[in-house]
Protein backbone atom coordinates (compact mmCIF):
# COMPACT_ATOMS: atom_id res chain seq x y z
CA MET A 1 -0.08 -4.86 15.48
CA ARG A 2 -3.29 -3.64 13.81
CA PHE A 3 -4.74 -5.70 10.98
CA GLY A 4 -6.70 -4.48 7.86
CA ILE A 5 -7.91 -5.54 4.42
CA CYS A 6 -7.06 -4.07 1.04
CA GLY A 7 -10.49 -3.62 -0.48
CA SER A 8 -9.27 -3.06 -4.02
CA MET A 9 -8.13 -6.70 -4.49
CA VAL A 10 -11.59 -7.95 -3.79
CA ALA A 11 -13.60 -5.08 -5.35
CA SER A 12 -16.60 -6.08 -7.45
CA GLN A 13 -18.27 -2.82 -7.97
CA PRO A 14 -17.54 -0.56 -10.93
CA ASP A 15 -15.91 2.18 -8.75
CA GLY A 16 -13.05 -0.15 -7.91
CA THR A 17 -12.44 1.34 -4.43
CA GLY A 18 -13.24 -1.73 -2.44
CA ILE A 19 -15.74 0.02 -0.20
CA GLU A 20 -18.34 -2.71 -0.71
CA VAL A 21 -16.63 -5.03 1.80
CA VAL A 22 -16.28 -2.48 4.64
CA GLU A 23 -19.20 -3.84 6.74
CA GLN A 24 -17.94 -7.45 6.46
CA VAL A 25 -14.44 -6.29 7.34
CA ARG A 26 -15.78 -4.69 10.49
CA GLU A 27 -17.96 -7.68 11.35
CA ILE A 28 -15.04 -10.13 10.98
CA GLY A 29 -13.00 -8.07 13.47
CA TYR A 30 -10.42 -6.18 11.45
CA ASP A 31 -9.11 -2.81 12.75
CA TYR A 32 -9.32 -0.86 9.47
CA ILE A 33 -9.81 -1.00 5.72
CA GLU A 34 -7.36 0.09 3.05
CA LEU A 35 -8.98 1.53 -0.13
CA SER A 36 -7.59 2.22 -3.59
CA LEU A 37 -6.66 5.92 -3.73
CA ALA A 38 -6.55 6.10 -7.58
CA HIS A 39 -10.12 4.91 -7.69
CA VAL A 40 -11.20 7.12 -4.83
CA ALA A 41 -9.61 10.08 -6.57
CA ALA A 42 -11.44 9.30 -9.84
CA LEU A 43 -14.97 9.54 -8.17
CA SER A 44 -17.24 12.40 -8.70
CA ASP A 45 -17.75 14.62 -5.65
CA GLU A 46 -21.19 13.00 -5.13
CA ALA A 47 -19.80 9.46 -5.41
CA PHE A 48 -16.96 10.32 -3.09
CA ASP A 49 -19.31 11.71 -0.49
CA THR A 50 -21.29 8.44 -0.73
CA VAL A 51 -18.15 6.40 0.00
CA ARG A 52 -17.15 8.72 2.88
CA LYS A 53 -20.62 8.37 4.50
CA ARG A 54 -20.59 4.64 4.07
CA LEU A 55 -17.27 4.37 5.68
CA GLN A 56 -18.36 6.57 8.57
CA ALA A 57 -21.58 4.54 9.05
CA SER A 58 -19.55 1.27 9.14
CA GLY A 59 -17.61 2.49 12.20
CA LEU A 60 -14.36 1.46 10.50
CA ALA A 61 -11.69 3.89 9.44
CA CYS A 62 -9.73 3.86 6.13
CA GLU A 63 -6.33 4.19 7.91
CA ALA A 64 -4.43 3.46 4.76
CA CYS A 65 -4.80 3.82 1.03
CA ASN A 66 -3.00 1.88 -1.66
CA ASN A 67 -2.71 2.39 -5.47
CA PHE A 68 -1.63 6.00 -5.20
CA PHE A 69 -1.24 7.00 -8.79
CA PRO A 70 -3.34 5.76 -11.79
CA ARG A 71 -1.74 4.71 -15.06
CA SER A 72 -2.90 8.04 -16.61
CA VAL A 73 -0.65 10.10 -14.35
CA ARG A 74 2.80 9.39 -15.76
CA LEU A 75 5.72 9.63 -13.35
CA THR A 76 8.57 8.51 -15.62
CA GLY A 77 9.49 8.96 -19.23
CA ALA A 78 9.10 11.78 -21.70
CA GLU A 79 5.32 12.20 -21.19
CA VAL A 80 5.50 13.41 -17.60
CA ARG A 81 3.67 16.57 -16.92
CA TRP A 82 4.56 17.85 -13.46
CA PRO A 83 1.63 20.33 -13.10
CA ASP A 84 -0.74 17.43 -13.71
CA VAL A 85 1.15 15.32 -11.23
CA ARG A 86 0.81 18.03 -8.56
CA GLN A 87 -2.79 18.62 -9.22
CA TYR A 88 -3.66 14.94 -9.08
CA THR A 89 -1.61 14.53 -5.94
CA ARG A 90 -3.25 17.31 -4.09
CA LEU A 91 -6.75 15.97 -4.89
CA ALA A 92 -5.76 12.43 -4.02
CA VAL A 93 -4.12 13.36 -0.69
CA ASP A 94 -7.02 15.60 0.26
CA ARG A 95 -9.49 12.81 -0.26
CA ALA A 96 -7.30 10.34 1.55
CA ALA A 97 -7.13 12.67 4.56
CA GLU A 98 -11.06 13.06 4.48
CA LEU A 99 -11.24 9.28 4.77
CA GLY A 100 -8.91 9.26 7.71
CA ALA A 101 -5.84 7.78 6.06
CA GLN A 102 -2.56 8.10 7.93
CA VAL A 103 -0.56 6.15 5.23
CA ILE A 104 -0.62 6.24 1.47
CA VAL A 105 1.13 3.43 -0.23
CA PHE A 106 3.36 4.23 -3.23
CA GLY A 107 3.62 1.22 -5.56
CA SER A 108 1.81 2.50 -8.69
CA SER A 109 3.72 0.32 -11.17
CA ALA A 110 1.59 1.41 -14.10
CA ALA A 111 2.43 5.07 -13.47
CA LYS A 112 6.12 4.70 -12.63
CA ASN A 113 7.38 1.82 -14.82
CA VAL A 114 10.25 2.98 -17.04
CA PRO A 115 9.26 3.23 -20.68
CA GLU A 116 11.34 1.04 -23.05
CA GLY A 117 14.56 2.83 -24.08
CA TYR A 118 14.29 5.55 -21.48
CA PRO A 119 17.33 5.99 -19.18
CA LYS A 120 16.73 4.34 -15.84
CA TYR A 121 18.74 6.95 -13.94
CA ARG A 122 16.47 9.65 -15.33
CA ALA A 123 13.39 7.74 -14.37
CA TRP A 124 14.86 7.29 -10.85
CA GLN A 125 15.26 11.07 -10.54
CA GLN A 126 11.71 11.60 -11.78
CA ILE A 127 10.41 9.29 -9.07
CA VAL A 128 12.39 11.35 -6.52
CA THR A 129 10.69 14.51 -7.87
CA ALA A 130 7.28 12.85 -7.70
CA LEU A 131 7.98 11.85 -4.09
CA HIS A 132 8.89 15.36 -3.17
CA ILE A 133 5.55 16.55 -4.57
CA ALA A 134 3.80 13.76 -2.68
CA ALA A 135 5.71 14.77 0.53
CA ASP A 136 4.63 18.39 0.06
CA GLU A 137 1.00 17.44 -0.07
CA ALA A 138 1.10 14.64 2.55
CA GLY A 139 2.93 16.94 4.96
CA ARG A 140 -0.13 19.32 4.88
CA LYS A 141 -2.29 16.50 6.17
CA GLY A 142 -0.01 14.64 8.49
CA ILE A 143 0.16 11.63 6.17
CA VAL A 144 3.10 9.37 5.50
CA ILE A 145 3.91 8.10 2.05
CA ALA A 146 5.16 4.45 2.14
CA ILE A 147 7.31 3.30 -0.75
CA GLU A 148 6.14 -0.23 -1.85
CA PRO A 149 8.80 -2.23 -3.69
CA LEU A 150 7.12 -4.48 -6.26
CA ASN A 151 8.36 -7.65 -7.86
CA ARG A 152 9.94 -7.60 -11.30
CA GLN A 153 6.93 -9.22 -12.90
CA GLU A 154 4.95 -6.08 -12.09
CA SER A 155 7.55 -3.30 -12.02
CA ASN A 156 10.86 -2.59 -13.67
CA ILE A 157 12.05 -0.16 -10.97
CA VAL A 158 12.22 -0.26 -7.14
CA ASN A 159 11.91 -4.00 -6.72
CA SER A 160 13.25 -4.65 -3.21
CA VAL A 161 12.97 -3.21 0.25
CA ALA A 162 16.70 -2.36 -0.09
CA GLU A 163 15.92 -0.26 -3.15
CA GLY A 164 12.99 1.30 -1.35
CA LEU A 165 15.31 2.34 1.45
CA ALA A 166 17.81 3.79 -1.06
CA LEU A 167 14.98 5.80 -2.69
CA MET A 168 13.77 7.02 0.75
CA GLN A 169 17.28 8.03 1.62
CA ARG A 170 17.62 9.90 -1.69
CA VAL A 171 14.36 11.87 -1.08
CA LYS A 172 15.23 12.69 2.56
CA ARG A 173 11.73 13.77 3.63
CA ALA A 174 10.13 12.74 6.89
CA GLU A 175 6.94 12.15 5.05
CA VAL A 176 8.47 9.44 2.85
CA GLN A 177 9.09 6.04 4.52
CA VAL A 178 9.02 2.42 3.35
CA LEU A 179 6.69 -0.65 3.19
CA ALA A 180 7.39 -4.29 3.35
CA ASP A 181 5.20 -6.74 1.35
CA TYR A 182 5.66 -10.44 2.10
CA TYR A 183 4.32 -11.42 -1.31
CA HIS A 184 6.79 -9.26 -3.24
CA MET A 185 9.67 -10.00 -0.97
CA ALA A 186 9.16 -13.72 -1.41
CA LEU A 187 9.01 -13.51 -5.25
CA GLU A 188 12.18 -11.50 -5.26
CA ASN A 189 13.85 -13.88 -2.71
CA GLU A 190 14.82 -10.84 -0.62
CA ASP A 191 16.56 -11.75 2.59
CA LEU A 192 14.38 -10.87 5.57
CA SER A 193 17.48 -9.44 7.34
CA ILE A 194 16.78 -6.20 5.37
CA LEU A 195 13.92 -5.59 7.88
CA SER A 196 16.47 -5.09 10.57
CA LEU A 197 17.91 -2.20 8.71
CA THR A 198 14.67 -0.34 8.13
CA GLY A 199 14.17 0.64 11.81
CA PRO A 200 11.31 3.04 12.29
CA ALA A 201 11.24 3.88 8.56
CA LEU A 202 9.09 0.81 8.14
CA ARG A 203 5.66 2.31 8.28
CA HIS A 204 3.33 -0.26 6.61
CA VAL A 205 3.10 -3.94 5.80
CA HIS A 206 1.15 -5.96 3.15
CA PHE A 207 0.68 -9.67 3.48
CA ALA A 208 -0.68 -12.58 1.34
CA ARG A 209 0.13 -16.04 0.29
CA VAL A 210 2.64 -16.30 -2.49
CA ALA A 211 0.59 -18.99 -4.24
CA GLY A 212 -1.95 -17.09 -6.28
CA ARG A 213 -1.64 -14.07 -4.02
CA THR A 214 -4.48 -15.27 -1.89
CA TYR A 215 -5.69 -15.14 1.66
CA PRO A 216 -3.93 -17.51 4.07
CA HIS A 217 -6.02 -20.18 5.77
CA ALA A 218 -3.02 -21.70 7.75
CA VAL A 219 0.50 -20.88 8.79
CA GLU A 220 2.82 -21.72 5.94
CA PRO A 221 6.64 -21.89 5.73
CA GLY A 222 8.05 -18.46 5.74
CA PHE A 223 5.09 -16.77 7.43
CA GLN A 224 6.50 -16.94 10.92
CA LEU A 225 9.95 -15.91 9.80
CA PHE A 226 8.56 -12.75 8.25
CA PHE A 227 6.50 -11.92 11.36
CA ASP A 228 9.47 -12.64 13.66
CA ALA A 229 11.55 -10.24 11.52
CA LEU A 230 8.91 -7.62 11.95
CA LYS A 231 8.84 -8.07 15.64
CA ALA A 232 12.65 -8.13 15.95
CA ASN A 233 12.58 -4.80 14.20
CA GLY A 234 10.14 -3.50 16.90
CA TYR A 235 7.31 -3.13 14.33
CA THR A 236 3.94 -2.67 15.93
CA GLY A 237 2.10 -0.94 13.05
CA ARG A 238 -0.44 -1.94 10.53
CA VAL A 239 -0.55 -5.17 8.45
CA SER A 240 -2.98 -5.24 5.56
CA VAL A 241 -4.01 -8.55 3.94
CA GLU A 242 -3.82 -7.81 0.24
CA GLY A 243 -4.98 -10.79 -1.77
CA PHE A 244 -7.48 -12.19 -4.15
CA SER A 245 -10.55 -14.14 -2.99
CA ASN A 246 -13.41 -16.34 -4.31
CA ASP A 247 -15.20 -16.35 -0.95
CA PHE A 248 -14.32 -13.12 0.77
CA TYR A 249 -15.95 -13.55 4.17
CA GLN A 250 -14.58 -16.99 4.73
CA ASP A 251 -11.09 -16.10 3.40
CA ALA A 252 -10.88 -12.82 5.37
CA ALA A 253 -11.96 -14.49 8.56
CA ALA A 254 -9.40 -17.27 8.13
CA ALA A 255 -6.71 -14.74 7.37
CA LEU A 256 -7.31 -12.72 10.48
CA ALA A 257 -6.92 -15.74 12.62
CA VAL A 258 -3.66 -16.54 10.94
CA VAL A 259 -2.11 -13.11 11.15
CA ARG A 260 -3.15 -12.72 14.78
CA ARG A 261 -1.51 -16.10 15.52
CA LEU A 262 1.63 -15.03 13.74
CA ALA A 263 1.82 -11.75 15.59
CA GLN A 264 1.35 -13.31 18.98
CA ALA A 265 3.71 -16.27 18.52
CA GLU A 266 6.87 -16.15 20.63
């Protein structure tokens, strides 16, 4: 497995991308950084070039991007504007590709949450349409879109890996696969056996402690079961630590030791 950090969760600079920790992430020994695509897409051309050059100078790649769509790009409800969705998606995917991303995470609760009173079946179809647009653009760049199920405290649609798989199967595009996030799965009490059904469709993983969504400093109950389920599925891909921190360097270093131990345990 390869291990990375989601920079957006610890971002302290106004741009919100998380790029400011890239040198520390490399020094600690992570394999890649995961930046917030909604924030990257919002940068001016000059600011984006600064981020790109800093990433290049760090020697670390942005192999994945999370936070695909911002709140302002509606994906469900009566206010959806498909030309705007397509225009944003093309810009975002192009920038992700320039940073070297191979996976874009589609959680985007603020963009896809179903407005009150709006039929959920219509919202589901709108998300399918949005994913077709994303697949069109991602396919040009050889990028995979990973559907991220979010817990019900954050999102009112696509709350489990099982629902993520159902959505993927509805879209039926090779560019659209699924993600498993330990934090969200634990909050939803989703049975880890679902990971045995994902097969190669599981293309990305997020990981954090459930308590406070923070960085792990030690192996806790449930951690090894999750990693064992990943390994039983044959998963050898990326695992991004996605949590909050009050002492980034110390927390990130401790987390890397934990996930390496979990991945190596027999």
